[in-house]
C-alpha atoms as a PDB file:
ATOM      1  CA  MET A   1     -84.729 -20.228  23.253  1.00  0.00           C
ATOM      2  CA  PRO A   2     -81.854 -17.741  23.725  1.00  0.00           C
ATOM      3  CA  ASP A   3     -81.847 -14.437  21.873  1.00  0.00           C
ATOM      4  CA  SER A   4     -79.827 -14.186  18.692  1.00  0.00           C
ATOM      5  CA  THR A   5     -76.673 -12.105  19.014  1.00  0.00           C
ATOM      6  CA  SER A   6     -78.241  -9.224  17.078  1.00  0.00           C
ATOM      7  CA  THR A   7     -81.402  -9.293  19.211  1.00  0.00           C
ATOM      8  CA  LEU A   8     -79.390  -9.294  22.421  1.00  0.00           C
ATOM      9  CA  ALA A   9     -77.251  -6.405  21.130  1.00  0.00           C
ATOM     10  CA  ASP A  10     -80.422  -4.418  20.336  1.00  0.00           C
ATOM     11  CA  ARG A  11     -81.728  -5.064  23.852  1.00  0.00           C
ATOM     12  CA  ILE A  12     -78.413  -3.874  25.304  1.00  0.00           C
ATOM     13  CA  ARG A  13     -78.608  -0.636  23.320  1.00  0.00           C
ATOM     14  CA  ALA A  14     -82.226  -0.146  24.393  1.00  0.00           C
ATOM     15  CA  SER A  15     -81.077  -0.111  28.037  1.00  0.00           C
ATOM     16  CA  GLU A  16     -79.642   3.349  27.332  1.00  0.00           C
ATOM     17  CA  GLN A  17     -83.250   4.577  27.387  1.00  0.00           C
ATOM     18  CA  THR A  18     -84.943   2.109  29.722  1.00  0.00           C
ATOM     19  CA  HIS A  19     -82.160   2.135  32.348  1.00  0.00           C
ATOM     20  CA  GLU A  20     -83.132  -1.480  33.030  1.00  0.00           C
ATOM     21  CA  PRO A  21     -80.476  -4.209  32.934  1.00  0.00           C
ATOM     22  CA  VAL A  22     -80.795  -6.847  30.243  1.00  0.00           C
ATOM     23  CA  LYS A  23     -80.953 -10.394  31.564  1.00  0.00           C
ATOM     24  CA  THR A  24     -79.390 -13.219  29.574  1.00  0.00           C
ATOM     25  CA  GLN A  25     -77.433 -16.424  30.048  1.00  0.00           C
ATOM     26  CA  LEU A  26     -73.727 -17.085  29.732  1.00  0.00           C
ATOM     27  CA  ARG A  27     -73.222 -19.904  27.237  1.00  0.00           C
ATOM     28  CA  THR A  28     -70.004 -21.890  26.915  1.00  0.00           C
ATOM     29  CA  ASN A  29     -68.703 -24.409  24.399  1.00  0.00           C
ATOM     30  CA  GLU A  30     -68.671 -27.772  26.183  1.00  0.00           C
ATOM     31  CA  ARG A  31     -65.153 -28.655  25.006  1.00  0.00           C
ATOM     32  CA  VAL A  32     -63.830 -25.413  26.462  1.00  0.00           C
ATOM     33  CA  LEU A  33     -65.708 -25.989  29.700  1.00  0.00           C
ATOM     34  CA  ALA A  34     -64.214 -29.455  29.999  1.00  0.00           C
ATOM     35  CA  ARG A  35     -60.723 -27.963  29.737  1.00  0.00           C
ATOM     36  CA  ILE A  36     -61.541 -25.407  32.432  1.00  0.00           C
ATOM     37  CA  THR A  37     -62.899 -28.021  34.839  1.00  0.00           C
ATOM     38  CA  ASP A  38     -59.731 -30.052  34.197  1.00  0.00           C
ATOM     39  CA  GLY A  39     -57.957 -27.269  36.062  1.00  0.00           C
ATOM     40  CA  ILE A  40     -55.872 -25.582  33.379  1.00  0.00           C
ATOM     41  CA  TYR A  41     -56.751 -22.183  34.893  1.00  0.00           C
ATOM     42  CA  ARG A  42     -56.481 -23.127  38.551  1.00  0.00           C
ATOM     43  CA  ARG A  43     -53.409 -20.940  38.918  1.00  0.00           C
ATOM     44  CA  PRO A  44     -54.110 -17.174  38.927  1.00  0.00           C
ATOM     45  CA  ALA A  45     -51.163 -16.604  36.593  1.00  0.00           C
ATOM     46  CA  SER A  46     -52.891 -18.695  33.900  1.00  0.00           C
ATOM     47  CA  ALA A  47     -56.062 -16.615  34.123  1.00  0.00           C
ATOM     48  CA  LEU A  48     -54.088 -13.371  34.047  1.00  0.00           C
ATOM     49  CA  ARG A  49     -52.189 -14.558  30.982  1.00  0.00           C
ATOM     50  CA  GLU A  50     -55.479 -15.091  29.133  1.00  0.00           C
ATOM     51  CA  LEU A  51     -56.798 -11.663  30.131  1.00  0.00           C
ATOM     52  CA  VAL A  52     -53.578  -9.901  29.093  1.00  0.00           C
ATOM     53  CA  SER A  53     -53.750 -11.768  25.771  1.00  0.00           C
ATOM     54  CA  ASN A  54     -57.268 -10.386  25.319  1.00  0.00           C
ATOM     55  CA  ALA A  55     -55.975  -6.881  25.949  1.00  0.00           C
ATOM     56  CA  TYR A  56     -53.141  -7.336  23.446  1.00  0.00           C
ATOM     57  CA  ASP A  57     -55.568  -8.562  20.781  1.00  0.00           C
ATOM     58  CA  ALA A  58     -57.698  -5.473  21.476  1.00  0.00           C
ATOM     59  CA  ASP A  59     -54.694  -3.244  20.609  1.00  0.00           C
ATOM     60  CA  ALA A  60     -54.129  -2.167  24.223  1.00  0.00           C
ATOM     61  CA  ARG A  61     -50.892  -0.315  24.918  1.00  0.00           C
ATOM     62  CA  HIS A  62     -51.233  -0.371  28.694  1.00  0.00           C
ATOM     63  CA  VAL A  63     -52.591  -3.013  31.074  1.00  0.00           C
ATOM     64  CA  VAL A  64     -53.000  -2.453  34.821  1.00  0.00           C
ATOM     65  CA  ILE A  65     -53.334  -5.433  37.190  1.00  0.00           C
ATOM     66  CA  LEU A  66     -54.277  -4.896  40.823  1.00  0.00           C
ATOM     67  CA  THR A  67     -54.595  -7.850  43.208  1.00  0.00           C
ATOM     68  CA  ASP A  68     -54.004  -8.905  46.789  1.00  0.00           C
ATOM     69  CA  ALA A  69     -51.400 -11.537  45.877  1.00  0.00           C
ATOM     70  CA  PRO A  70     -50.629 -14.124  47.133  1.00  0.00           C
ATOM     71  CA  ARG A  71     -54.263 -14.583  48.195  1.00  0.00           C
ATOM     72  CA  PHE A  72     -55.804 -13.486  44.874  1.00  0.00           C
ATOM     73  CA  SER A  73     -59.180 -13.037  46.558  1.00  0.00           C
ATOM     74  CA  SER A  74     -59.651  -9.964  44.338  1.00  0.00           C
ATOM     75  CA  ILE A  75     -58.320  -9.054  40.906  1.00  0.00           C
ATOM     76  CA  LEU A  76     -58.789  -5.967  38.762  1.00  0.00           C
ATOM     77  CA  ILE A  77     -57.364  -5.863  35.251  1.00  0.00           C
ATOM     78  CA  ARG A  78     -57.810  -2.732  33.156  1.00  0.00           C
ATOM     79  CA  ASP A  79     -56.640  -2.046  29.613  1.00  0.00           C
ATOM     80  CA  ASP A  80     -56.797   0.828  27.138  1.00  0.00           C
ATOM     81  CA  GLY A  81     -57.723  -1.361  24.188  1.00  0.00           C
ATOM     82  CA  ASN A  82     -60.501  -0.907  21.672  1.00  0.00           C
ATOM     83  CA  GLY A  83     -63.303  -1.956  23.999  1.00  0.00           C
ATOM     84  CA  LEU A  84     -66.348  -4.016  23.025  1.00  0.00           C
ATOM     85  CA  THR A  85     -69.411  -2.936  21.101  1.00  0.00           C
ATOM     86  CA  PRO A  86     -72.824  -4.199  22.277  1.00  0.00           C
ATOM     87  CA  ASP A  87     -72.672  -6.660  19.349  1.00  0.00           C
ATOM     88  CA  SER A  88     -69.257  -8.048  20.288  1.00  0.00           C
ATOM     89  CA  LEU A  89     -70.212  -8.281  23.976  1.00  0.00           C
ATOM     90  CA  ALA A  90     -73.449 -10.074  23.059  1.00  0.00           C
ATOM     91  CA  HIS A  91     -71.471 -12.537  20.948  1.00  0.00           C
ATOM     92  CA  LEU A  92     -68.963 -12.990  23.748  1.00  0.00           C
ATOM     93  CA  VAL A  93     -71.421 -13.952  26.498  1.00  0.00           C
ATOM     94  CA  GLN A  94     -73.313 -16.286  24.170  1.00  0.00           C
ATOM     95  CA  ASN A  95     -70.255 -17.975  22.681  1.00  0.00           C
ATOM     96  CA  ILE A  96     -67.522 -18.538  25.269  1.00  0.00           C
ATOM     97  CA  GLY A  97     -65.054 -20.669  23.352  1.00  0.00           C
ATOM     98  CA  GLY A  98     -66.529 -19.627  20.001  1.00  0.00           C
ATOM     99  CA  SER A  99     -64.246 -16.702  19.321  1.00  0.00           C
ATOM    100  CA  PRO A 100     -64.853 -14.689  16.119  1.00  0.00           C
ATOM    101  CA  LYS A 101     -61.101 -14.117  15.931  1.00  0.00           C
ATOM    102  CA  ARG A 102     -59.512 -15.708  12.859  1.00  0.00           C
ATOM    103  CA  ARG A 103     -62.923 -15.651  11.200  1.00  0.00           C
ATOM    104  CA  PHE A 104     -64.281 -13.038   8.842  1.00  0.00           C
ATOM    105  CA  GLU A 105     -67.229 -12.410  11.189  1.00  0.00           C
ATOM    106  CA  GLY A 106     -64.637 -10.827  13.475  1.00  0.00           C
ATOM    107  CA  ALA A 107     -64.526  -7.790  11.195  1.00  0.00           C
ATOM    108  CA  ASP A 108     -68.298  -7.335  11.518  1.00  0.00           C
ATOM    109  CA  LEU A 109     -67.903  -7.420  15.316  1.00  0.00           C
ATOM    110  CA  GLU A 110     -64.914  -5.027  15.079  1.00  0.00           C
ATOM    111  CA  VAL A 111     -62.519  -7.388  16.840  1.00  0.00           C
ATOM    112  CA  THR A 112     -60.323  -8.217  13.829  1.00  0.00           C
ATOM    113  CA  ASP A 113     -58.812  -6.417  10.860  1.00  0.00           C
ATOM    114  CA  LYS A 114     -61.249  -5.842   7.998  1.00  0.00           C
ATOM    115  CA  ASP A 115     -59.029  -7.646   5.513  1.00  0.00           C
ATOM    116  CA  ASP A 116     -57.176 -10.189   7.671  1.00  0.00           C
ATOM    117  CA  PRO A 117     -59.064 -12.181  10.360  1.00  0.00           C
ATOM    118  CA  ASN A 118     -55.736 -13.249  11.875  1.00  0.00           C
ATOM    119  CA  ARG A 119     -54.905  -9.685  12.885  1.00  0.00           C
ATOM    120  CA  SER A 120     -56.358  -7.186  15.342  1.00  0.00           C
ATOM    121  CA  PRO A 121     -58.090  -4.011  14.096  1.00  0.00           C
ATOM    122  CA  GLY A 122     -54.749  -2.264  14.628  1.00  0.00           C
ATOM    123  CA  GLY A 123     -52.802  -4.886  12.663  1.00  0.00           C
ATOM    124  CA  ARG A 124     -51.313  -7.008  15.446  1.00  0.00           C
ATOM    125  CA  GLN A 125     -50.918 -10.753  14.929  1.00  0.00           C
ATOM    126  CA  LEU A 126     -53.562 -12.278  17.198  1.00  0.00           C
ATOM    127  CA  ILE A 127     -52.382 -14.428  20.106  1.00  0.00           C
ATOM    128  CA  GLY A 128     -55.717 -15.382  21.711  1.00  0.00           C
ATOM    129  CA  LYS A 129     -57.120 -18.630  20.340  1.00  0.00           C
ATOM    130  CA  MET A 130     -60.108 -20.111  22.110  1.00  0.00           C
ATOM    131  CA  GLY A 131     -62.264 -17.141  23.013  1.00  0.00           C
ATOM    132  CA  ILE A 132     -61.917 -18.190  26.610  1.00  0.00           C
ATOM    133  CA  GLY A 133     -60.390 -15.060  28.148  1.00  0.00           C
ATOM    134  CA  ILE A 134     -63.116 -13.816  30.487  1.00  0.00           C
ATOM    135  CA  PHE A 135     -64.096 -17.339  31.527  1.00  0.00           C
ATOM    136  CA  SER A 136     -60.545 -18.114  32.621  1.00  0.00           C
ATOM    137  CA  VAL A 137     -61.392 -16.674  36.060  1.00  0.00           C
ATOM    138  CA  ALA A 138     -64.107 -19.318  36.559  1.00  0.00           C
ATOM    139  CA  GLN A 139     -62.003 -21.310  39.026  1.00  0.00           C
ATOM    140  CA  LEU A 140     -60.992 -18.189  40.936  1.00  0.00           C
ATOM    141  CA  THR A 141     -64.437 -16.620  41.417  1.00  0.00           C
ATOM    142  CA  ARG A 142     -68.112 -17.189  40.641  1.00  0.00           C
ATOM    143  CA  HIS A 143     -68.968 -13.513  40.216  1.00  0.00           C
ATOM    144  CA  PHE A 144     -67.244 -10.735  38.295  1.00  0.00           C
ATOM    145  CA  LEU A 145     -67.914  -7.480  36.440  1.00  0.00           C
ATOM    146  CA  ILE A 146     -66.872  -6.369  32.974  1.00  0.00           C
ATOM    147  CA  SER A 147     -66.934  -2.677  32.077  1.00  0.00           C
ATOM    148  CA  THR A 148     -66.095  -1.771  28.495  1.00  0.00           C
ATOM    149  CA  LYS A 149     -66.187   1.308  26.268  1.00  0.00           C
ATOM    150  CA  ARG A 150     -65.374   2.239  22.685  1.00  0.00           C
ATOM    151  CA  ALA A 151     -63.733   5.534  21.730  1.00  0.00           C
ATOM    152  CA  GLY A 152     -66.334   8.076  20.606  1.00  0.00           C
ATOM    153  CA  ASP A 153     -69.147   6.288  22.420  1.00  0.00           C
ATOM    154  CA  ASN A 154     -71.106   8.262  25.011  1.00  0.00           C
ATOM    155  CA  PHE A 155     -72.071   5.077  26.859  1.00  0.00           C
ATOM    156  CA  ARG A 156     -70.150   2.428  28.775  1.00  0.00           C
ATOM    157  CA  THR A 157     -71.406  -1.173  28.755  1.00  0.00           C
ATOM    158  CA  ILE A 158     -71.342  -3.069  32.051  1.00  0.00           C
ATOM    159  CA  ALA A 159     -71.878  -6.823  32.373  1.00  0.00           C
ATOM    160  CA  ASP A 160     -72.474  -8.427  35.781  1.00  0.00           C
ATOM    161  CA  ILE A 161     -71.707 -12.148  35.440  1.00  0.00           C
ATOM    162  CA  THR A 162     -72.479 -14.941  37.902  1.00  0.00           C
ATOM    163  CA  ILE A 163     -71.186 -18.404  37.008  1.00  0.00           C
ATOM    164  CA  SER A 164     -73.391 -21.365  37.855  1.00  0.00           C
ATOM    165  CA  GLY A 165     -72.258 -24.179  40.111  1.00  0.00           C
ATOM    166  CA  GLY A 166     -72.805 -27.854  39.573  1.00  0.00           C
ATOM    167  CA  LEU A 167     -70.618 -28.235  36.491  1.00  0.00           C
ATOM    168  CA  SER A 168     -69.541 -31.744  37.443  1.00  0.00           C
ATOM    169  CA  GLU A 169     -67.677 -34.190  35.246  1.00  0.00           C
ATOM    170  CA  GLN A 170     -70.789 -36.392  35.137  1.00  0.00           C
ATOM    171  CA  ARG A 171     -72.965 -33.503  33.951  1.00  0.00           C
ATOM    172  CA  LEU A 172     -70.462 -32.685  31.231  1.00  0.00           C
ATOM    173  CA  LEU A 173     -70.395 -36.347  30.178  1.00  0.00           C
ATOM    174  CA  ASN A 174     -74.201 -36.453  29.997  1.00  0.00           C
ATOM    175  CA  LEU A 175     -74.289 -33.275  27.902  1.00  0.00           C
ATOM    176  CA  GLU A 176     -71.643 -34.637  25.561  1.00  0.00           C
ATOM    177  CA  LYS A 177     -73.621 -37.852  25.065  1.00  0.00           C
ATOM    178  CA  ALA A 178     -76.718 -35.776  24.303  1.00  0.00           C
ATOM    179  CA  GLY A 179     -74.792 -33.932  21.608  1.00  0.00           C
ATOM    180  CA  ASP A 180     -74.999 -30.516  23.263  1.00  0.00           C
ATOM    181  CA  ASP A 181     -72.131 -28.245  22.242  1.00  0.00           C
ATOM    182  CA  SER A 182     -73.263 -25.152  24.147  1.00  0.00           C
ATOM    183  CA  ILE A 183     -74.036 -25.118  27.850  1.00  0.00           C
ATOM    184  CA  GLU A 184     -75.672 -22.477  30.053  1.00  0.00           C
ATOM    185  CA  THR A 185     -72.948 -21.687  32.549  1.00  0.00           C
ATOM    186  CA  GLY A 186     -74.210 -18.570  34.274  1.00  0.00           C
ATOM    187  CA  ASP A 187     -76.439 -15.534  34.437  1.00  0.00           C
ATOM    188  CA  VAL A 188     -75.612 -12.122  33.000  1.00  0.00           C
ATOM    189  CA  LEU A 189     -77.032  -8.654  33.622  1.00  0.00           C
ATOM    190  CA  ILE A 190     -75.963  -6.035  31.065  1.00  0.00           C
ATOM    191  CA  LEU A 191     -76.568  -2.293  31.209  1.00  0.00           C
ATOM    192  CA  ARG A 192     -75.459   0.731  29.186  1.00  0.00           C
ATOM    193  CA  GLU A 193     -74.557   3.737  31.345  1.00  0.00           C
ATOM    194  CA  PRO A 194     -73.707   7.300  30.220  1.00  0.00           C
ATOM    195  CA  ASP A 195     -70.010   8.192  30.124  1.00  0.00           C
ATOM    196  CA  SER A 196     -69.087  11.840  29.651  1.00  0.00           C
ATOM    197  CA  ASN A 197     -65.547  11.097  28.423  1.00  0.00           C
ATOM    198  CA  SER A 198     -66.227  10.163  24.810  1.00  0.00           C
ATOM    199  CA  ASN A 199     -62.506   9.722  24.119  1.00  0.00           C
ATOM    200  CA  ALA A 200     -62.057   7.026  26.771  1.00  0.00           C
ATOM    201  CA  HIS A 201     -61.772   3.424  25.619  1.00  0.00           C
ATOM    202  CA  GLY A 202     -60.844   0.040  27.021  1.00  0.00           C
ATOM    203  CA  THR A 203     -62.094  -2.809  29.166  1.00  0.00           C
ATOM    204  CA  GLU A 204     -61.962  -3.562  32.871  1.00  0.00           C
ATOM    205  CA  LEU A 205     -62.639  -6.893  34.598  1.00  0.00           C
ATOM    206  CA  ASN A 206     -62.802  -7.174  38.358  1.00  0.00           C
ATOM    207  CA  TYR A 207     -64.010  -9.415  41.140  1.00  0.00           C
END
């Protein structure tokens, strides 16, 4: 039985003291996973578009993309957006494809405006839709890191994500017949590390 989002968030915060990474599973909505395995993100540009959309919805003003194009064997994308709280990161890894955007729970997770779930905390009209951003790199790599920080926070949250193999069309069909709408798609290690620059904020993804 996976942890609830609040329990996982508490475990992530506790790592500030224990210095031990929190182990959990990446869980993905099966309909989203089916779209990914259909190849809609096979082109690096499609994955980058999703990640830049994430940055925009997080009120980023600057996005840096570093890659070894045309090979795309490595990508780093860094933004100066709001960053993720332990609660919003916990929700993210447990609900790929179940975005809190456009829902009032988004305000509780600090990813949407308090009064309008269709807008970012800074008032931008949201452009991300499926909550699929970080998983869009699934067909480009099986392992990536997310580093994220909120302004005023003395800790940075780092998630080390490894995507499972074996997500065949037949397995997806079997899961759909069984009525499963959430699938374990990888392993995640999450750790909170001290960051002396309390004013820094934003998110970085790299592989």
